[in-house]
C-alpha atoms as a PDB file:
ATOM      1  CA  MET A   1    -154.576 -33.895 -31.498  1.00  0.00           C
ATOM      2  CA  SER A   2    -152.307 -31.188 -30.086  1.00  0.00           C
ATOM      3  CA  ILE A   3    -152.851 -27.445 -30.460  1.00  0.00           C
ATOM      4  CA  ASN A   4    -149.668 -27.431 -32.568  1.00  0.00           C
ATOM      5  CA  LYS A   5    -151.362 -29.626 -35.182  1.00  0.00           C
ATOM      6  CA  ILE A   6    -154.374 -27.325 -35.305  1.00  0.00           C
ATOM      7  CA  LEU A   7    -152.065 -24.354 -35.840  1.00  0.00           C
ATOM      8  CA  LEU A   8    -150.134 -26.231 -38.516  1.00  0.00           C
ATOM      9  CA  ALA A   9    -153.347 -27.134 -40.312  1.00  0.00           C
ATOM     10  CA  THR A  10    -154.573 -23.563 -40.368  1.00  0.00           C
ATOM     11  CA  ALA A  11    -151.174 -22.253 -41.503  1.00  0.00           C
ATOM     12  CA  LEU A  12    -150.935 -24.690 -44.402  1.00  0.00           C
ATOM     13  CA  CYS A  13    -154.424 -23.906 -45.590  1.00  0.00           C
ATOM     14  CA  ALA A  14    -153.869 -20.166 -45.302  1.00  0.00           C
ATOM     15  CA  ALA A  15    -150.700 -20.410 -47.378  1.00  0.00           C
ATOM     16  CA  ALA A  16    -152.515 -22.246 -50.151  1.00  0.00           C
ATOM     17  CA  SER A  17    -154.206 -19.122 -51.469  1.00  0.00           C
ATOM     18  CA  ALA A  18    -154.466 -15.400 -50.881  1.00  0.00           C
ATOM     19  CA  ALA A  19    -155.932 -14.467 -47.522  1.00  0.00           C
ATOM     20  CA  THR A  20    -159.176 -12.557 -47.254  1.00  0.00           C
ATOM     21  CA  ALA A  21    -160.944 -10.821 -44.406  1.00  0.00           C
ATOM     22  CA  ALA A  22    -162.410 -13.047 -41.720  1.00  0.00           C
ATOM     23  CA  PRO A  23    -166.172 -13.587 -42.026  1.00  0.00           C
ATOM     24  CA  ALA A  24    -168.209 -11.039 -40.094  1.00  0.00           C
ATOM     25  CA  SER A  25    -171.000 -13.344 -38.916  1.00  0.00           C
ATOM     26  CA  VAL A  26    -172.065 -16.944 -38.376  1.00  0.00           C
ATOM     27  CA  GLU A  27    -174.379 -16.682 -41.392  1.00  0.00           C
ATOM     28  CA  GLU A  28    -171.639 -15.298 -43.623  1.00  0.00           C
ATOM     29  CA  LEU A  29    -169.150 -18.041 -42.774  1.00  0.00           C
ATOM     30  CA  THR A  30    -171.799 -20.752 -43.102  1.00  0.00           C
ATOM     31  CA  ASN A  31    -172.872 -19.473 -46.515  1.00  0.00           C
ATOM     32  CA  GLN A  32    -169.265 -19.118 -47.719  1.00  0.00           C
ATOM     33  CA  PHE A  33    -168.434 -22.714 -46.813  1.00  0.00           C
ATOM     34  CA  LEU A  34    -171.623 -24.211 -48.237  1.00  0.00           C
ATOM     35  CA  ALA A  35    -171.187 -22.236 -51.475  1.00  0.00           C
ATOM     36  CA  ALA A  36    -167.569 -23.409 -51.819  1.00  0.00           C
ATOM     37  CA  LEU A  37    -168.604 -27.000 -51.110  1.00  0.00           C
ATOM     38  CA  ASP A  38    -171.354 -26.849 -53.709  1.00  0.00           C
ATOM     39  CA  GLN A  39    -168.734 -26.013 -56.358  1.00  0.00           C
ATOM     40  CA  LEU A  40    -166.331 -28.779 -55.311  1.00  0.00           C
ATOM     41  CA  PRO A  41    -166.747 -31.990 -57.383  1.00  0.00           C
ATOM     42  CA  GLY A  42    -163.798 -33.706 -55.713  1.00  0.00           C
ATOM     43  CA  TYR A  43    -160.727 -33.093 -53.603  1.00  0.00           C
ATOM     44  CA  GLN A  44    -157.782 -34.656 -51.820  1.00  0.00           C
ATOM     45  CA  VAL A  45    -156.776 -33.844 -48.255  1.00  0.00           C
ATOM     46  CA  GLU A  46    -154.595 -35.157 -45.453  1.00  0.00           C
ATOM     47  CA  MET A  47    -156.346 -35.528 -42.126  1.00  0.00           C
ATOM     48  CA  THR A  48    -155.843 -36.664 -38.573  1.00  0.00           C
ATOM     49  CA  LYS A  49    -158.498 -38.608 -36.728  1.00  0.00           C
ATOM     50  CA  LEU A  50    -158.933 -39.075 -32.975  1.00  0.00           C
ATOM     51  CA  GLN A  51    -161.951 -40.915 -31.561  1.00  0.00           C
ATOM     52  CA  ARG A  52    -163.064 -42.190 -28.164  1.00  0.00           C
ATOM     53  CA  ILE A  53    -164.028 -45.845 -28.553  1.00  0.00           C
ATOM     54  CA  ARG A  54    -165.451 -47.876 -25.680  1.00  0.00           C
ATOM     55  CA  GLY A  55    -164.572 -45.069 -23.280  1.00  0.00           C
ATOM     56  CA  ARG A  56    -160.931 -44.569 -24.315  1.00  0.00           C
ATOM     57  CA  LEU A  57    -159.288 -42.190 -26.765  1.00  0.00           C
ATOM     58  CA  GLN A  58    -157.621 -44.274 -29.455  1.00  0.00           C
ATOM     59  CA  PRO A  59    -154.202 -43.529 -31.001  1.00  0.00           C
ATOM     60  CA  GLU A  60    -154.336 -40.674 -33.493  1.00  0.00           C
ATOM     61  CA  GLU A  61    -154.485 -41.770 -37.133  1.00  0.00           C
ATOM     62  CA  THR A  62    -153.151 -39.829 -40.132  1.00  0.00           C
ATOM     63  CA  ILE A  63    -154.920 -40.480 -43.422  1.00  0.00           C
ATOM     64  CA  LEU A  64    -154.755 -39.384 -47.050  1.00  0.00           C
ATOM     65  CA  LEU A  65    -158.320 -39.053 -48.302  1.00  0.00           C
ATOM     66  CA  LYS A  66    -159.682 -38.661 -51.829  1.00  0.00           C
ATOM     67  CA  GLN A  67    -163.387 -38.026 -52.261  1.00  0.00           C
ATOM     68  CA  ARG A  68    -165.648 -37.521 -55.257  1.00  0.00           C
ATOM     69  CA  ARG A  69    -169.185 -36.171 -55.064  1.00  0.00           C
ATOM     70  CA  ASP A  70    -170.846 -37.795 -58.099  1.00  0.00           C
ATOM     71  CA  PRO A  71    -170.891 -40.696 -58.282  1.00  0.00           C
ATOM     72  CA  PRO A  72    -169.867 -40.744 -54.597  1.00  0.00           C
ATOM     73  CA  CYS A  73    -166.587 -42.531 -53.872  1.00  0.00           C
ATOM     74  CA  VAL A  74    -163.954 -42.465 -51.145  1.00  0.00           C
ATOM     75  CA  TYR A  75    -160.340 -43.655 -51.106  1.00  0.00           C
ATOM     76  CA  MET A  76    -158.327 -43.609 -47.874  1.00  0.00           C
ATOM     77  CA  LYS A  77    -154.709 -44.490 -47.170  1.00  0.00           C
ATOM     78  CA  TRP A  78    -153.148 -44.451 -43.707  1.00  0.00           C
ATOM     79  CA  ILE A  79    -149.818 -42.639 -44.082  1.00  0.00           C
ATOM     80  CA  GLU A  80    -148.448 -42.854 -40.544  1.00  0.00           C
ATOM     81  CA  LYS A  81    -148.411 -45.417 -37.761  1.00  0.00           C
ATOM     82  CA  PRO A  82    -150.219 -47.124 -36.078  1.00  0.00           C
ATOM     83  CA  ASN A  83    -152.014 -48.289 -39.257  1.00  0.00           C
ATOM     84  CA  LEU A  84    -149.390 -47.331 -41.828  1.00  0.00           C
ATOM     85  CA  GLY A  85    -150.195 -48.755 -45.264  1.00  0.00           C
ATOM     86  CA  ARG A  86    -153.852 -49.591 -44.695  1.00  0.00           C
ATOM     87  CA  GLU A  87    -156.048 -48.730 -47.700  1.00  0.00           C
ATOM     88  CA  LEU A  88    -159.806 -48.484 -48.153  1.00  0.00           C
ATOM     89  CA  ILE A  89    -162.126 -47.865 -51.081  1.00  0.00           C
ATOM     90  CA  HIS A  90    -165.881 -47.390 -50.971  1.00  0.00           C
ATOM     91  CA  CYS A  91    -168.061 -46.631 -54.011  1.00  0.00           C
ATOM     92  CA  PRO A  92    -171.697 -47.579 -53.360  1.00  0.00           C
ATOM     93  CA  ALA A  93    -172.283 -48.426 -57.034  1.00  0.00           C
ATOM     94  CA  ARG A  94    -169.210 -50.704 -57.226  1.00  0.00           C
ATOM     95  CA  TYR A  95    -168.057 -53.855 -55.465  1.00  0.00           C
ATOM     96  CA  GLU A  96    -171.678 -54.650 -54.569  1.00  0.00           C
ATOM     97  CA  GLY A  97    -171.707 -51.754 -52.131  1.00  0.00           C
ATOM     98  CA  LYS A  98    -168.957 -53.291 -50.013  1.00  0.00           C
ATOM     99  CA  VAL A  99    -165.939 -51.561 -48.508  1.00  0.00           C
ATOM    100  CA  LYS A 100    -162.691 -52.900 -49.965  1.00  0.00           C
ATOM    101  CA  VAL A 101    -159.951 -52.719 -47.351  1.00  0.00           C
ATOM    102  CA  HIS A 102    -156.599 -54.262 -46.540  1.00  0.00           C
ATOM    103  CA  ALA A 103    -154.306 -53.884 -43.563  1.00  0.00           C
ATOM    104  CA  GLY A 104    -150.885 -52.273 -43.764  1.00  0.00           C
ATOM    105  CA  GLY A 105    -147.793 -54.404 -44.217  1.00  0.00           C
ATOM    106  CA  ARG A 106    -146.481 -56.364 -47.124  1.00  0.00           C
ATOM    107  CA  LYS A 107    -147.816 -55.772 -50.639  1.00  0.00           C
ATOM    108  CA  ASN A 108    -150.680 -57.960 -51.874  1.00  0.00           C
ATOM    109  CA  ILE A 109    -151.974 -58.702 -48.387  1.00  0.00           C
ATOM    110  CA  ALA A 110    -155.529 -60.090 -48.490  1.00  0.00           C
ATOM    111  CA  THR A 111    -158.238 -57.570 -49.384  1.00  0.00           C
ATOM    112  CA  LEU A 112    -161.499 -57.839 -47.445  1.00  0.00           C
ATOM    113  CA  SER A 113    -164.999 -56.978 -48.676  1.00  0.00           C
ATOM    114  CA  LEU A 114    -167.010 -55.610 -45.759  1.00  0.00           C
ATOM    115  CA  ASP A 115    -170.462 -54.265 -45.053  1.00  0.00           C
ATOM    116  CA  PRO A 116    -169.716 -50.555 -44.382  1.00  0.00           C
ATOM    117  CA  GLU A 117    -172.022 -50.632 -41.360  1.00  0.00           C
ATOM    118  CA  GLY A 118    -171.204 -54.168 -40.260  1.00  0.00           C
ATOM    119  CA  PRO A 119    -169.455 -55.130 -37.001  1.00  0.00           C
ATOM    120  CA  VAL A 120    -166.006 -55.661 -38.530  1.00  0.00           C
ATOM    121  CA  ALA A 121    -165.935 -52.343 -40.389  1.00  0.00           C
ATOM    122  CA  MET A 122    -167.293 -50.546 -37.307  1.00  0.00           C
ATOM    123  CA  LEU A 123    -165.037 -52.265 -34.767  1.00  0.00           C
ATOM    124  CA  ASP A 124    -162.785 -49.244 -34.144  1.00  0.00           C
ATOM    125  CA  ASN A 125    -164.934 -46.500 -35.652  1.00  0.00           C
ATOM    126  CA  LEU A 126    -167.707 -44.280 -34.337  1.00  0.00           C
ATOM    127  CA  HIS A 127    -169.090 -43.787 -37.861  1.00  0.00           C
ATOM    128  CA  PRO A 128    -169.251 -45.761 -41.111  1.00  0.00           C
ATOM    129  CA  VAL A 129    -167.105 -44.701 -44.058  1.00  0.00           C
ATOM    130  CA  THR A 130    -170.284 -43.405 -45.713  1.00  0.00           C
ATOM    131  CA  ARG A 131    -169.962 -40.394 -43.359  1.00  0.00           C
ATOM    132  CA  ALA A 132    -166.309 -39.645 -44.098  1.00  0.00           C
ATOM    133  CA  GLY A 133    -165.048 -36.382 -45.567  1.00  0.00           C
ATOM    134  CA  ILE A 134    -165.985 -32.732 -45.746  1.00  0.00           C
ATOM    135  CA  TYR A 135    -169.253 -33.260 -47.628  1.00  0.00           C
ATOM    136  CA  GLU A 136    -170.560 -34.796 -44.400  1.00  0.00           C
ATOM    137  CA  ILE A 137    -169.396 -31.700 -42.492  1.00  0.00           C
ATOM    138  CA  GLY A 138    -171.524 -29.673 -44.902  1.00  0.00           C
ATOM    139  CA  ARG A 139    -174.586 -31.799 -44.155  1.00  0.00           C
ATOM    140  CA  THR A 140    -173.962 -31.474 -40.409  1.00  0.00           C
ATOM    141  CA  LEU A 141    -173.612 -27.707 -40.630  1.00  0.00           C
ATOM    142  CA  GLN A 142    -176.791 -27.446 -42.683  1.00  0.00           C
ATOM    143  CA  ALA A 143    -178.642 -29.254 -39.906  1.00  0.00           C
ATOM    144  CA  LEU A 144    -177.065 -27.116 -37.155  1.00  0.00           C
ATOM    145  CA  ARG A 145    -176.998 -23.683 -38.781  1.00  0.00           C
ATOM    146  CA  SER A 146    -179.951 -22.357 -36.769  1.00  0.00           C
ATOM    147  CA  GLU A 147    -178.310 -23.604 -33.551  1.00  0.00           C
ATOM    148  CA  VAL A 148    -174.795 -22.180 -34.000  1.00  0.00           C
ATOM    149  CA  ALA A 149    -174.171 -19.774 -31.129  1.00  0.00           C
ATOM    150  CA  THR A 150    -170.753 -18.188 -31.597  1.00  0.00           C
ATOM    151  CA  LEU A 151    -168.163 -17.197 -34.189  1.00  0.00           C
ATOM    152  CA  THR A 152    -164.609 -16.793 -32.857  1.00  0.00           C
ATOM    153  CA  PRO A 153    -161.119 -16.570 -34.399  1.00  0.00           C
ATOM    154  CA  SER A 154    -158.719 -19.451 -33.849  1.00  0.00           C
ATOM    155  CA  ALA A 155    -155.226 -18.970 -32.467  1.00  0.00           C
ATOM    156  CA  GLY A 156    -153.322 -16.756 -34.897  1.00  0.00           C
ATOM    157  CA  GLY A 157    -156.517 -15.560 -36.583  1.00  0.00           C
ATOM    158  CA  ARG A 158    -156.035 -17.710 -39.687  1.00  0.00           C
ATOM    159  CA  ALA A 159    -159.280 -19.579 -39.118  1.00  0.00           C
ATOM    160  CA  SER A 160    -162.784 -18.839 -37.841  1.00  0.00           C
ATOM    161  CA  CYS A 161    -164.624 -21.293 -35.610  1.00  0.00           C
ATOM    162  CA  LEU A 162    -168.348 -21.972 -35.284  1.00  0.00           C
ATOM    163  CA  THR A 163    -169.494 -23.375 -31.942  1.00  0.00           C
ATOM    164  CA  SER A 164    -172.844 -24.908 -31.071  1.00  0.00           C
ATOM    165  CA  ASN A 165    -174.246 -26.256 -27.800  1.00  0.00           C
ATOM    166  CA  ALA A 166    -177.134 -27.958 -29.568  1.00  0.00           C
ATOM    167  CA  GLN A 167    -177.621 -31.589 -28.604  1.00  0.00           C
ATOM    168  CA  TRP A 168    -177.969 -34.102 -31.438  1.00  0.00           C
ATOM    169  CA  SER A 169    -177.349 -37.774 -32.068  1.00  0.00           C
ATOM    170  CA  ALA A 170    -174.013 -38.827 -33.571  1.00  0.00           C
ATOM    171  CA  GLY A 171    -175.071 -42.468 -33.698  1.00  0.00           C
ATOM    172  CA  ALA A 172    -172.968 -44.013 -30.939  1.00  0.00           C
ATOM    173  CA  TYR A 173    -173.466 -41.094 -28.530  1.00  0.00           C
ATOM    174  CA  ARG A 174    -175.258 -37.791 -28.065  1.00  0.00           C
ATOM    175  CA  VAL A 175    -173.320 -34.651 -28.967  1.00  0.00           C
ATOM    176  CA  GLY A 176    -173.512 -31.841 -26.402  1.00  0.00           C
ATOM    177  CA  ARG A 177    -171.123 -29.368 -27.999  1.00  0.00           C
ATOM    178  CA  SER A 178    -169.524 -29.023 -31.428  1.00  0.00           C
ATOM    179  CA  GLU A 179    -166.841 -26.806 -32.947  1.00  0.00           C
ATOM    180  CA  ILE A 180    -165.965 -26.490 -36.643  1.00  0.00           C
ATOM    181  CA  CYS A 181    -163.084 -24.240 -37.725  1.00  0.00           C
ATOM    182  CA  PHE A 182    -162.645 -22.966 -41.295  1.00  0.00           C
ATOM    183  CA  ASP A 183    -159.721 -21.289 -43.010  1.00  0.00           C
ATOM    184  CA  ASN A 184    -160.039 -17.588 -43.737  1.00  0.00           C
ATOM    185  CA  ASN A 185    -158.853 -17.807 -47.337  1.00  0.00           C
ATOM    186  CA  VAL A 186    -160.957 -17.818 -50.478  1.00  0.00           C
ATOM    187  CA  HIS A 187    -161.948 -21.485 -50.097  1.00  0.00           C
ATOM    188  CA  HIS A 188    -163.329 -21.365 -46.525  1.00  0.00           C
ATOM    189  CA  LEU A 189    -162.805 -25.110 -46.061  1.00  0.00           C
ATOM    190  CA  PRO A 190    -162.622 -26.955 -42.723  1.00  0.00           C
ATOM    191  CA  VAL A 191    -159.319 -27.159 -40.855  1.00  0.00           C
ATOM    192  CA  SER A 192    -160.630 -28.841 -37.699  1.00  0.00           C
ATOM    193  CA  LEU A 193    -163.698 -30.451 -36.162  1.00  0.00           C
ATOM    194  CA  ARG A 194    -164.264 -31.327 -32.499  1.00  0.00           C
ATOM    195  CA  LEU A 195    -167.272 -32.959 -30.862  1.00  0.00           C
ATOM    196  CA  TRP A 196    -168.007 -33.433 -27.145  1.00  0.00           C
ATOM    197  CA  ASP A 197    -170.693 -35.594 -25.555  1.00  0.00           C
ATOM    198  CA  ALA A 198    -173.461 -34.296 -23.291  1.00  0.00           C
ATOM    199  CA  ASN A 199    -171.145 -34.679 -20.275  1.00  0.00           C
ATOM    200  CA  GLY A 200    -168.434 -32.490 -21.802  1.00  0.00           C
ATOM    201  CA  GLN A 201    -166.102 -35.367 -22.701  1.00  0.00           C
ATOM    202  CA  LEU A 202    -164.185 -35.024 -25.982  1.00  0.00           C
ATOM    203  CA  MET A 203    -165.393 -37.777 -28.306  1.00  0.00           C
ATOM    204  CA  GLU A 204    -163.966 -36.896 -31.733  1.00  0.00           C
ATOM    205  CA  GLN A 205    -161.302 -34.606 -33.126  1.00  0.00           C
ATOM    206  CA  TYR A 206    -160.148 -34.150 -36.721  1.00  0.00           C
ATOM    207  CA  SER A 207    -157.784 -31.819 -38.555  1.00  0.00           C
ATOM    208  CA  TYR A 208    -157.575 -31.232 -42.320  1.00  0.00           C
ATOM    209  CA  PHE A 209    -154.532 -29.925 -44.193  1.00  0.00           C
ATOM    210  CA  ASN A 210    -152.734 -29.991 -47.558  1.00  0.00           C
ATOM    211  CA  TYR A 211    -155.920 -29.696 -49.597  1.00  0.00           C
ATOM    212  CA  ARG A 212    -155.795 -30.306 -53.342  1.00  0.00           C
ATOM    213  CA  LEU A 213    -158.949 -28.971 -54.957  1.00  0.00           C
ATOM    214  CA  ASN A 214    -160.846 -29.457 -58.199  1.00  0.00           C
ATOM    215  CA  LEU A 215    -158.990 -32.628 -59.071  1.00  0.00           C
ATOM    216  CA  ARG A 216    -160.079 -34.664 -62.067  1.00  0.00           C
ATOM    217  CA  LEU A 217    -160.801 -37.733 -59.967  1.00  0.00           C
ATOM    218  CA  SER A 218    -161.720 -40.650 -62.194  1.00  0.00           C
ATOM    219  CA  ASP A 219    -162.950 -44.193 -61.630  1.00  0.00           C
ATOM    220  CA  GLN A 220    -159.301 -45.256 -61.560  1.00  0.00           C
ATOM    221  CA  ASP A 221    -158.798 -43.310 -58.322  1.00  0.00           C
ATOM    222  CA  PHE A 222    -161.332 -45.642 -56.702  1.00  0.00           C
ATOM    223  CA  ASN A 223    -160.279 -48.900 -58.353  1.00  0.00           C
ATOM    224  CA  VAL A 224    -158.627 -51.705 -56.400  1.00  0.00           C
ATOM    225  CA  ARG A 225    -156.685 -52.525 -59.579  1.00  0.00           C
ATOM    226  CA  ASN A 226    -154.963 -49.135 -59.597  1.00  0.00           C
ATOM    227  CA  ARG A 227    -151.249 -49.952 -59.836  1.00  0.00           C
ATOM    228  CA  MET A 228    -150.460 -47.116 -57.422  1.00  0.00           C
ATOM    229  CA  TYR A 229    -152.368 -48.939 -54.693  1.00  0.00           C
ATOM    230  CA  ASP A 230    -151.544 -52.121 -52.790  1.00  0.00           C
ATOM    231  CA  PHE A 231    -154.859 -54.011 -52.909  1.00  0.00           C
END
């Protein structure tokens, strides 16, 4: 992900609501984000995803994501190449806990039912879909809050970034450094996340933009029979 995309993400989020003063401390920013997250039953966001798989950075993906807290459900649609048109739904209480996914391309292409942590679903992913979205960022920050070392403004000052050098397991590798940046508006939601391994190699990078908050997400938003989807 280029620095231009990070700047774009922060600008879009800042424009979404009235700006407020940047948080004065690590504790203040952490508490603001966790409080906002606690009041968020569901949301929609566009995101970019960049991961290092088998030693190589993969092509950047751009995804529309809908997520609901209770009962937990995720819908994802790839909105740019290289996986344009791919869709995914995961609701643990539905579809026997399987991930429903189809590749991009023509309508009505075969839909697969996959174990979210199985080899096919994990082929080009560092993490299962069960760890997707900003609720997972909240859980990560809760675990790291005593280890966060610095609070710095991003380029342009529209976001504030928390950096930690704590080492922790991300499943496929060991994180050596992490950076989470949040917008400085009333929502204090993430605009970017970067993780490096213990050797200083960038392993994951995400940006979040065009948030839509407090949506009335229903079961239909996570239904393969939704006529707006191509399952």
